[in-house]
Amino acid sequence: GVRYRPRSTAHALRTNLLVYGLGG
């Protein structure tokens, strides 16, 4: 599982796109 950290939805979306979108 991807490590979970408490944070806002907007921040989680940005991280997702940056790490897994750009990484993909």
mmCIF file of all heavy atoms, coordinates in Angstrom:
data_MODEL
# 
_entry.id   MODEL 
# 
loop_
_atom_site.group_PDB 
_atom_site.id 
_atom_site.type_symbol 
_atom_site.label_atom_id 
_atom_site.label_alt_id 
_atom_site.label_comp_id 
_atom_site.label_asym_id 
_atom_site.label_entity_id 
_atom_site.label_seq_id 
_atom_site.pdbx_PDB_ins_code 
_atom_site.Cartn_x 
_atom_site.Cartn_y 
_atom_site.Cartn_z 
_atom_site.occupancy 
_atom_site.B_iso_or_equiv 
_atom_site.pdbx_formal_charge 
_atom_site.auth_seq_id 
_atom_site.auth_comp_id 
_atom_site.auth_asym_id 
_atom_site.auth_atom_id 
_atom_site.pdbx_PDB_model_num 
ATOM 1   N N   . GLY A 1 1  ? 0.815  -1.209 0.000   1.00 0.00 ? 1  GLY A N   1 
ATOM 2   C CA  . GLY A 1 1  ? 0.000  0.000  0.000   1.00 0.00 ? 1  GLY A CA  1 
ATOM 3   C C   . GLY A 1 1  ? 0.846  1.255  0.000   1.00 0.00 ? 1  GLY A C   1 
ATOM 4   O O   . GLY A 1 1  ? 1.956  1.275  0.541   1.00 0.00 ? 1  GLY A O   1 
ATOM 5   N N   . VAL A 1 2  ? 0.327  2.293  -0.608  1.00 0.00 ? 2  VAL A N   1 
ATOM 6   C CA  . VAL A 1 2  ? 0.991  3.596  -0.594  1.00 0.00 ? 2  VAL A CA  1 
ATOM 7   C C   . VAL A 1 2  ? 0.884  4.173  0.814   1.00 0.00 ? 2  VAL A C   1 
ATOM 8   O O   . VAL A 1 2  ? -0.183 4.112  1.444   1.00 0.00 ? 2  VAL A O   1 
ATOM 9   C CB  . VAL A 1 2  ? 0.342  4.545  -1.620  1.00 0.00 ? 2  VAL A CB  1 
ATOM 10  C CG1 . VAL A 1 2  ? 0.960  5.942  -1.525  1.00 0.00 ? 2  VAL A CG1 1 
ATOM 11  C CG2 . VAL A 1 2  ? 0.497  3.989  -3.022  1.00 0.00 ? 2  VAL A CG2 1 
ATOM 12  N N   . ARG A 1 3  ? 1.965  4.696  1.313   1.00 0.00 ? 3  ARG A N   1 
ATOM 13  C CA  . ARG A 1 3  ? 1.963  5.236  2.680   1.00 0.00 ? 3  ARG A CA  1 
ATOM 14  C C   . ARG A 1 3  ? 0.963  6.375  2.807   1.00 0.00 ? 3  ARG A C   1 
ATOM 15  O O   . ARG A 1 3  ? 0.917  7.281  1.967   1.00 0.00 ? 3  ARG A O   1 
ATOM 16  C CB  . ARG A 1 3  ? 3.362  5.735  3.041   1.00 0.00 ? 3  ARG A CB  1 
ATOM 17  C CG  . ARG A 1 3  ? 3.478  6.211  4.486   1.00 0.00 ? 3  ARG A CG  1 
ATOM 18  C CD  . ARG A 1 3  ? 4.888  6.661  4.810   1.00 0.00 ? 3  ARG A CD  1 
ATOM 19  N NE  . ARG A 1 3  ? 4.979  7.186  6.154   1.00 0.00 ? 3  ARG A NE  1 
ATOM 20  C CZ  . ARG A 1 3  ? 6.071  7.733  6.675   1.00 0.00 ? 3  ARG A CZ  1 
ATOM 21  N NH1 . ARG A 1 3  ? 7.175  7.811  5.937   1.00 0.00 ? 3  ARG A NH1 1 
ATOM 22  N NH2 . ARG A 1 3  ? 6.080  8.199  7.911   1.00 0.00 ? 3  ARG A NH2 1 
ATOM 23  N N   . TYR A 1 4  ? 0.160  6.303  3.865   1.00 0.00 ? 4  TYR A N   1 
ATOM 24  C CA  . TYR A 1 4  ? -0.851 7.339  4.079   1.00 0.00 ? 4  TYR A CA  1 
ATOM 25  C C   . TYR A 1 4  ? -0.348 8.387  5.059   1.00 0.00 ? 4  TYR A C   1 
ATOM 26  O O   . TYR A 1 4  ? 0.209  8.064  6.106   1.00 0.00 ? 4  TYR A O   1 
ATOM 27  C CB  . TYR A 1 4  ? -2.144 6.724  4.626   1.00 0.00 ? 4  TYR A CB  1 
ATOM 28  C CG  . TYR A 1 4  ? -3.129 7.777  5.091   1.00 0.00 ? 4  TYR A CG  1 
ATOM 29  C CD1 . TYR A 1 4  ? -3.808 8.559  4.159   1.00 0.00 ? 4  TYR A CD1 1 
ATOM 30  C CD2 . TYR A 1 4  ? -3.334 8.016  6.446   1.00 0.00 ? 4  TYR A CD2 1 
ATOM 31  C CE1 . TYR A 1 4  ? -4.680 9.545  4.585   1.00 0.00 ? 4  TYR A CE1 1 
ATOM 32  C CE2 . TYR A 1 4  ? -4.211 8.999  6.871   1.00 0.00 ? 4  TYR A CE2 1 
ATOM 33  C CZ  . TYR A 1 4  ? -4.873 9.762  5.931   1.00 0.00 ? 4  TYR A CZ  1 
ATOM 34  O OH  . TYR A 1 4  ? -5.727 10.744 6.345   1.00 0.00 ? 4  TYR A OH  1 
ATOM 35  N N   . ARG A 1 5  ? -0.537 9.658  4.684   1.00 0.00 ? 5  ARG A N   1 
ATOM 36  C CA  . ARG A 1 5  ? -0.220 10.765 5.581   1.00 0.00 ? 5  ARG A CA  1 
ATOM 37  C C   . ARG A 1 5  ? -1.434 11.688 5.637   1.00 0.00 ? 5  ARG A C   1 
ATOM 38  O O   . ARG A 1 5  ? -2.004 12.022 4.590   1.00 0.00 ? 5  ARG A O   1 
ATOM 39  C CB  . ARG A 1 5  ? 0.988  11.575 5.076   1.00 0.00 ? 5  ARG A CB  1 
ATOM 40  C CG  . ARG A 1 5  ? 2.291  10.806 5.003   1.00 0.00 ? 5  ARG A CG  1 
ATOM 41  C CD  . ARG A 1 5  ? 3.415  11.727 4.512   1.00 0.00 ? 5  ARG A CD  1 
ATOM 42  N NE  . ARG A 1 5  ? 4.696  11.037 4.422   1.00 0.00 ? 5  ARG A NE  1 
ATOM 43  C CZ  . ARG A 1 5  ? 5.086  10.361 3.346   1.00 0.00 ? 5  ARG A CZ  1 
ATOM 44  N NH1 . ARG A 1 5  ? 4.290  10.274 2.289   1.00 0.00 ? 5  ARG A NH1 1 
ATOM 45  N NH2 . ARG A 1 5  ? 6.256  9.753  3.340   1.00 0.00 ? 5  ARG A NH2 1 
ATOM 46  N N   . PRO A 1 6  ? -1.852 12.101 6.835   1.00 0.00 ? 6  PRO A N   1 
ATOM 47  C CA  . PRO A 1 6  ? -2.981 13.032 6.933   1.00 0.00 ? 6  PRO A CA  1 
ATOM 48  C C   . PRO A 1 6  ? -2.664 14.346 6.224   1.00 0.00 ? 6  PRO A C   1 
ATOM 49  O O   . PRO A 1 6  ? -1.673 14.994 6.537   1.00 0.00 ? 6  PRO A O   1 
ATOM 50  C CB  . PRO A 1 6  ? -3.130 13.247 8.447   1.00 0.00 ? 6  PRO A CB  1 
ATOM 51  C CG  . PRO A 1 6  ? -2.475 12.064 9.076   1.00 0.00 ? 6  PRO A CG  1 
ATOM 52  C CD  . PRO A 1 6  ? -1.354 11.687 8.154   1.00 0.00 ? 6  PRO A CD  1 
ATOM 53  N N   . ARG A 1 7  ? -3.487 14.716 5.266   1.00 0.00 ? 7  ARG A N   1 
ATOM 54  C CA  . ARG A 1 7  ? -3.295 15.974 4.536   1.00 0.00 ? 7  ARG A CA  1 
ATOM 55  C C   . ARG A 1 7  ? -4.570 16.280 3.775   1.00 0.00 ? 7  ARG A C   1 
ATOM 56  O O   . ARG A 1 7  ? -5.466 15.450 3.670   1.00 0.00 ? 7  ARG A O   1 
ATOM 57  C CB  . ARG A 1 7  ? -2.109 15.871 3.580   1.00 0.00 ? 7  ARG A CB  1 
ATOM 58  C CG  . ARG A 1 7  ? -2.178 14.685 2.633   1.00 0.00 ? 7  ARG A CG  1 
ATOM 59  C CD  . ARG A 1 7  ? -0.864 14.469 1.927   1.00 0.00 ? 7  ARG A CD  1 
ATOM 60  N NE  . ARG A 1 7  ? -0.839 13.230 1.183   1.00 0.00 ? 7  ARG A NE  1 
ATOM 61  C CZ  . ARG A 1 7  ? 0.233  12.720 0.619   1.00 0.00 ? 7  ARG A CZ  1 
ATOM 62  N NH1 . ARG A 1 7  ? 1.386  13.368 0.697   1.00 0.00 ? 7  ARG A NH1 1 
ATOM 63  N NH2 . ARG A 1 7  ? 0.193  11.594 -0.032  1.00 0.00 ? 7  ARG A NH2 1 
ATOM 64  N N   . SER A 1 8  ? -4.647 17.476 3.225   1.00 0.00 ? 8  SER A N   1 
ATOM 65  C CA  . SER A 1 8  ? -5.843 17.896 2.507   1.00 0.00 ? 8  SER A CA  1 
ATOM 66  C C   . SER A 1 8  ? -5.983 17.134 1.200   1.00 0.00 ? 8  SER A C   1 
ATOM 67  O O   . SER A 1 8  ? -5.011 16.599 0.659   1.00 0.00 ? 8  SER A O   1 
ATOM 68  C CB  . SER A 1 8  ? -5.779 19.398 2.219   1.00 0.00 ? 8  SER A CB  1 
ATOM 69  O OG  . SER A 1 8  ? -4.741 19.672 1.285   1.00 0.00 ? 8  SER A OG  1 
ATOM 70  N N   . THR A 1 9  ? -7.213 17.113 0.682   1.00 0.00 ? 9  THR A N   1 
ATOM 71  C CA  . THR A 1 9  ? -7.485 16.421 -0.574  1.00 0.00 ? 9  THR A CA  1 
ATOM 72  C C   . THR A 1 9  ? -6.699 17.039 -1.725  1.00 0.00 ? 9  THR A C   1 
ATOM 73  O O   . THR A 1 9  ? -6.156 16.326 -2.581  1.00 0.00 ? 9  THR A O   1 
ATOM 74  C CB  . THR A 1 9  ? -8.995 16.472 -0.881  1.00 0.00 ? 9  THR A CB  1 
ATOM 75  O OG1 . THR A 1 9  ? -9.703 15.895 0.223   1.00 0.00 ? 9  THR A OG1 1 
ATOM 76  C CG2 . THR A 1 9  ? -9.318 15.689 -2.137  1.00 0.00 ? 9  THR A CG2 1 
ATOM 77  N N   . ALA A 1 10 ? -6.620 18.372 -1.745  1.00 0.00 ? 10 ALA A N   1 
ATOM 78  C CA  . ALA A 1 10 ? -5.898 19.057 -2.823  1.00 0.00 ? 10 ALA A CA  1 
ATOM 79  C C   . ALA A 1 10 ? -4.413 18.698 -2.802  1.00 0.00 ? 10 ALA A C   1 
ATOM 80  O O   . ALA A 1 10 ? -3.809 18.443 -3.845  1.00 0.00 ? 10 ALA A O   1 
ATOM 81  C CB  . ALA A 1 10 ? -6.085 20.572 -2.690  1.00 0.00 ? 10 ALA A CB  1 
ATOM 82  N N   . HIS A 1 11 ? -3.843 18.638 -1.604  1.00 0.00 ? 11 HIS A N   1 
ATOM 83  C CA  . HIS A 1 11 ? -2.424 18.291 -1.485  1.00 0.00 ? 11 HIS A CA  1 
ATOM 84  C C   . HIS A 1 11 ? -2.191 16.845 -1.911  1.00 0.00 ? 11 HIS A C   1 
ATOM 85  O O   . HIS A 1 11 ? -1.201 16.532 -2.594  1.00 0.00 ? 11 HIS A O   1 
ATOM 86  C CB  . HIS A 1 11 ? -1.964 18.504 -0.045  1.00 0.00 ? 11 HIS A CB  1 
ATOM 87  C CG  . HIS A 1 11 ? -0.484 18.329 0.146   1.00 0.00 ? 11 HIS A CG  1 
ATOM 88  N ND1 . HIS A 1 11 ? 0.093  17.083 0.370   1.00 0.00 ? 11 HIS A ND1 1 
ATOM 89  C CD2 . HIS A 1 11 ? 0.544  19.223 0.141   1.00 0.00 ? 11 HIS A CD2 1 
ATOM 90  C CE1 . HIS A 1 11 ? 1.392  17.221 0.503   1.00 0.00 ? 11 HIS A CE1 1 
ATOM 91  N NE2 . HIS A 1 11 ? 1.703  18.508 0.368   1.00 0.00 ? 11 HIS A NE2 1 
ATOM 92  N N   . ALA A 1 12 ? -3.097 15.946 -1.516  1.00 0.00 ? 12 ALA A N   1 
ATOM 93  C CA  . ALA A 1 12 ? -2.968 14.536 -1.899  1.00 0.00 ? 12 ALA A CA  1 
ATOM 94  C C   . ALA A 1 12 ? -3.061 14.370 -3.418  1.00 0.00 ? 12 ALA A C   1 
ATOM 95  O O   . ALA A 1 12 ? -2.332 13.574 -4.014  1.00 0.00 ? 12 ALA A O   1 
ATOM 96  C CB  . ALA A 1 12 ? -4.053 13.710 -1.209  1.00 0.00 ? 12 ALA A CB  1 
ATOM 97  N N   . LEU A 1 13 ? -3.953 15.154 -4.056  1.00 0.00 ? 13 LEU A N   1 
ATOM 98  C CA  . LEU A 1 13 ? -4.107 15.075 -5.509  1.00 0.00 ? 13 LEU A CA  1 
ATOM 99  C C   . LEU A 1 13 ? -2.844 15.560 -6.217  1.00 0.00 ? 13 LEU A C   1 
ATOM 100 O O   . LEU A 1 13 ? -2.380 14.938 -7.184  1.00 0.00 ? 13 LEU A O   1 
ATOM 101 C CB  . LEU A 1 13 ? -5.318 15.905 -5.949  1.00 0.00 ? 13 LEU A CB  1 
ATOM 102 C CG  . LEU A 1 13 ? -5.606 15.939 -7.452  1.00 0.00 ? 13 LEU A CG  1 
ATOM 103 C CD1 . LEU A 1 13 ? -5.870 14.530 -7.978  1.00 0.00 ? 13 LEU A CD1 1 
ATOM 104 C CD2 . LEU A 1 13 ? -6.770 16.862 -7.758  1.00 0.00 ? 13 LEU A CD2 1 
ATOM 105 N N   . ARG A 1 14 ? -2.272 16.663 -5.731  1.00 0.00 ? 14 ARG A N   1 
ATOM 106 C CA  . ARG A 1 14 ? -1.048 17.176 -6.340  1.00 0.00 ? 14 ARG A CA  1 
ATOM 107 C C   . ARG A 1 14 ? 0.088  16.163 -6.221  1.00 0.00 ? 14 ARG A C   1 
ATOM 108 O O   . ARG A 1 14 ? 0.826  15.923 -7.180  1.00 0.00 ? 14 ARG A O   1 
ATOM 109 C CB  . ARG A 1 14 ? -0.642 18.500 -5.676  1.00 0.00 ? 14 ARG A CB  1 
ATOM 110 C CG  . ARG A 1 14 ? -1.473 19.693 -6.075  1.00 0.00 ? 14 ARG A CG  1 
ATOM 111 C CD  . ARG A 1 14 ? -0.790 20.997 -5.687  1.00 0.00 ? 14 ARG A CD  1 
ATOM 112 N NE  . ARG A 1 14 ? -0.513 21.053 -4.254  1.00 0.00 ? 14 ARG A NE  1 
ATOM 113 C CZ  . ARG A 1 14 ? -1.364 21.549 -3.363  1.00 0.00 ? 14 ARG A CZ  1 
ATOM 114 N NH1 . ARG A 1 14 ? -2.537 22.013 -3.755  1.00 0.00 ? 14 ARG A NH1 1 
ATOM 115 N NH2 . ARG A 1 14 ? -1.047 21.586 -2.078  1.00 0.00 ? 14 ARG A NH2 1 
ATOM 116 N N   . THR A 1 15 ? 0.209  15.565 -5.050  1.00 0.00 ? 15 THR A N   1 
ATOM 117 C CA  . THR A 1 15 ? 1.262  14.564 -4.837  1.00 0.00 ? 15 THR A CA  1 
ATOM 118 C C   . THR A 1 15 ? 1.053  13.361 -5.746  1.00 0.00 ? 15 THR A C   1 
ATOM 119 O O   . THR A 1 15 ? 2.007  12.827 -6.334  1.00 0.00 ? 15 THR A O   1 
ATOM 120 C CB  . THR A 1 15 ? 1.274  14.119 -3.366  1.00 0.00 ? 15 THR A CB  1 
ATOM 121 O OG1 . THR A 1 15 ? 1.460  15.259 -2.536  1.00 0.00 ? 15 THR A OG1 1 
ATOM 122 C CG2 . THR A 1 15 ? 2.383  13.114 -3.114  1.00 0.00 ? 15 THR A CG2 1 
ATOM 123 N N   . ASN A 1 16 ? -0.188 12.933 -5.872  1.00 0.00 ? 16 ASN A N   1 
ATOM 124 C CA  . ASN A 1 16 ? -0.517 11.782 -6.719  1.00 0.00 ? 16 ASN A CA  1 
ATOM 125 C C   . ASN A 1 16 ? -0.123 12.043 -8.169  1.00 0.00 ? 16 ASN A C   1 
ATOM 126 O O   . ASN A 1 16 ? 0.503  11.208 -8.832  1.00 0.00 ? 16 ASN A O   1 
ATOM 127 C CB  . ASN A 1 16 ? -2.012 11.482 -6.605  1.00 0.00 ? 16 ASN A CB  1 
ATOM 128 C CG  . ASN A 1 16 ? -2.404 10.209 -7.322  1.00 0.00 ? 16 ASN A CG  1 
ATOM 129 O OD1 . ASN A 1 16 ? -1.638 9.259  -7.387  1.00 0.00 ? 16 ASN A OD1 1 
ATOM 130 N ND2 . ASN A 1 16 ? -3.604 10.188 -7.864  1.00 0.00 ? 16 ASN A ND2 1 
ATOM 131 N N   . LEU A 1 17 ? -0.488 13.224 -8.664  1.00 0.00 ? 17 LEU A N   1 
ATOM 132 C CA  . LEU A 1 17 ? -0.182 13.559 -10.061 1.00 0.00 ? 17 LEU A CA  1 
ATOM 133 C C   . LEU A 1 17 ? 1.319  13.728 -10.277 1.00 0.00 ? 17 LEU A C   1 
ATOM 134 O O   . LEU A 1 17 ? 1.857  13.311 -11.307 1.00 0.00 ? 17 LEU A O   1 
ATOM 135 C CB  . LEU A 1 17 ? -0.919 14.839 -10.460 1.00 0.00 ? 17 LEU A CB  1 
ATOM 136 C CG  . LEU A 1 17 ? -2.451 14.729 -10.554 1.00 0.00 ? 17 LEU A CG  1 
ATOM 137 C CD1 . LEU A 1 17 ? -3.066 16.091 -10.847 1.00 0.00 ? 17 LEU A CD1 1 
ATOM 138 C CD2 . LEU A 1 17 ? -2.856 13.738 -11.635 1.00 0.00 ? 17 LEU A CD2 1 
ATOM 139 N N   . LEU A 1 18 ? 1.990  14.324 -9.294  1.00 0.00 ? 18 LEU A N   1 
ATOM 140 C CA  . LEU A 1 18 ? 3.419  14.576 -9.445  1.00 0.00 ? 18 LEU A CA  1 
ATOM 141 C C   . LEU A 1 18 ? 4.229  13.282 -9.377  1.00 0.00 ? 18 LEU A C   1 
ATOM 142 O O   . LEU A 1 18 ? 5.093  13.033 -10.223 1.00 0.00 ? 18 LEU A O   1 
ATOM 143 C CB  . LEU A 1 18 ? 3.893  15.546 -8.346  1.00 0.00 ? 18 LEU A CB  1 
ATOM 144 C CG  . LEU A 1 18 ? 5.377  15.928 -8.369  1.00 0.00 ? 18 LEU A CG  1 
ATOM 145 C CD1 . LEU A 1 18 ? 5.701  16.685 -9.655  1.00 0.00 ? 18 LEU A CD1 1 
ATOM 146 C CD2 . LEU A 1 18 ? 5.735  16.775 -7.150  1.00 0.00 ? 18 LEU A CD2 1 
ATOM 147 N N   . VAL A 1 19 ? 3.915  12.428 -8.383  1.00 0.00 ? 19 VAL A N   1 
ATOM 148 C CA  . VAL A 1 19 ? 4.708  11.213 -8.175  1.00 0.00 ? 19 VAL A CA  1 
ATOM 149 C C   . VAL A 1 19 ? 4.296  10.112 -9.141  1.00 0.00 ? 19 VAL A C   1 
ATOM 150 O O   . VAL A 1 19 ? 5.128  9.557  -9.876  1.00 0.00 ? 19 VAL A O   1 
ATOM 151 C CB  . VAL A 1 19 ? 4.582  10.727 -6.716  1.00 0.00 ? 19 VAL A CB  1 
ATOM 152 C CG1 . VAL A 1 19 ? 5.325  9.399  -6.530  1.00 0.00 ? 19 VAL A CG1 1 
ATOM 153 C CG2 . VAL A 1 19 ? 5.125  11.778 -5.752  1.00 0.00 ? 19 VAL A CG2 1 
ATOM 154 N N   . TYR A 1 20 ? 3.002  9.794  -9.168  1.00 0.00 ? 20 TYR A N   1 
ATOM 155 C CA  . TYR A 1 20 ? 2.554  8.639  -9.948  1.00 0.00 ? 20 TYR A CA  1 
ATOM 156 C C   . TYR A 1 20 ? 2.140  9.015  -11.370 1.00 0.00 ? 20 TYR A C   1 
ATOM 157 O O   . TYR A 1 20 ? 2.263  8.198  -12.278 1.00 0.00 ? 20 TYR A O   1 
ATOM 158 C CB  . TYR A 1 20 ? 1.404  7.934  -9.217  1.00 0.00 ? 20 TYR A CB  1 
ATOM 159 C CG  . TYR A 1 20 ? 1.865  7.362  -7.907  1.00 0.00 ? 20 TYR A CG  1 
ATOM 160 C CD1 . TYR A 1 20 ? 1.664  8.055  -6.706  1.00 0.00 ? 20 TYR A CD1 1 
ATOM 161 C CD2 . TYR A 1 20 ? 2.546  6.157  -7.869  1.00 0.00 ? 20 TYR A CD2 1 
ATOM 162 C CE1 . TYR A 1 20 ? 2.118  7.546  -5.504  1.00 0.00 ? 20 TYR A CE1 1 
ATOM 163 C CE2 . TYR A 1 20 ? 3.007  5.636  -6.657  1.00 0.00 ? 20 TYR A CE2 1 
ATOM 164 C CZ  . TYR A 1 20 ? 2.784  6.339  -5.482  1.00 0.00 ? 20 TYR A CZ  1 
ATOM 165 O OH  . TYR A 1 20 ? 3.244  5.832  -4.297  1.00 0.00 ? 20 TYR A OH  1 
ATOM 166 N N   . GLY A 1 21 ? 1.672  10.240 -11.568 1.00 0.00 ? 21 GLY A N   1 
ATOM 167 C CA  . GLY A 1 21 ? 1.353  10.673 -12.924 1.00 0.00 ? 21 GLY A CA  1 
ATOM 168 C C   . GLY A 1 21 ? 2.614  10.927 -13.729 1.00 0.00 ? 21 GLY A C   1 
ATOM 169 O O   . GLY A 1 21 ? 2.835  10.327 -14.792 1.00 0.00 ? 21 GLY A O   1 
ATOM 170 N N   . LEU A 1 22 ? 3.480  11.800 -13.191 1.00 0.00 ? 22 LEU A N   1 
ATOM 171 C CA  . LEU A 1 22 ? 4.736  12.104 -13.878 1.00 0.00 ? 22 LEU A CA  1 
ATOM 172 C C   . LEU A 1 22 ? 5.647  10.872 -13.910 1.00 0.00 ? 22 LEU A C   1 
ATOM 173 O O   . LEU A 1 22 ? 6.297  10.585 -14.932 1.00 0.00 ? 22 LEU A O   1 
ATOM 174 C CB  . LEU A 1 22 ? 5.440  13.271 -13.172 1.00 0.00 ? 22 LEU A CB  1 
ATOM 175 C CG  . LEU A 1 22 ? 6.694  13.827 -13.854 1.00 0.00 ? 22 LEU A CG  1 
ATOM 176 C CD1 . LEU A 1 22 ? 6.357  14.320 -15.266 1.00 0.00 ? 22 LEU A CD1 1 
ATOM 177 C CD2 . LEU A 1 22 ? 7.300  14.959 -13.023 1.00 0.00 ? 22 LEU A CD2 1 
ATOM 178 N N   . GLY A 1 23 ? 5.655  10.123 -12.801 1.00 0.00 ? 23 GLY A N   1 
ATOM 179 C CA  . GLY A 1 23 ? 6.462  8.904  -12.767 1.00 0.00 ? 23 GLY A CA  1 
ATOM 180 C C   . GLY A 1 23 ? 5.985  7.886  -13.779 1.00 0.00 ? 23 GLY A C   1 
ATOM 181 O O   . GLY A 1 23 ? 6.791  7.193  -14.414 1.00 0.00 ? 23 GLY A O   1 
ATOM 182 N N   . GLY A 1 24 ? 4.669  7.794  -13.957 1.00 0.00 ? 24 GLY A N   1 
ATOM 183 C CA  . GLY A 1 24 ? 4.120  6.881  -14.945 1.00 0.00 ? 24 GLY A CA  1 
ATOM 184 C C   . GLY A 1 24 ? 4.459  7.273  -16.364 1.00 0.00 ? 24 GLY A C   1 
ATOM 185 O O   . GLY A 1 24 ? 4.512  6.412  -17.263 1.00 0.00 ? 24 GLY A O   1 
# 
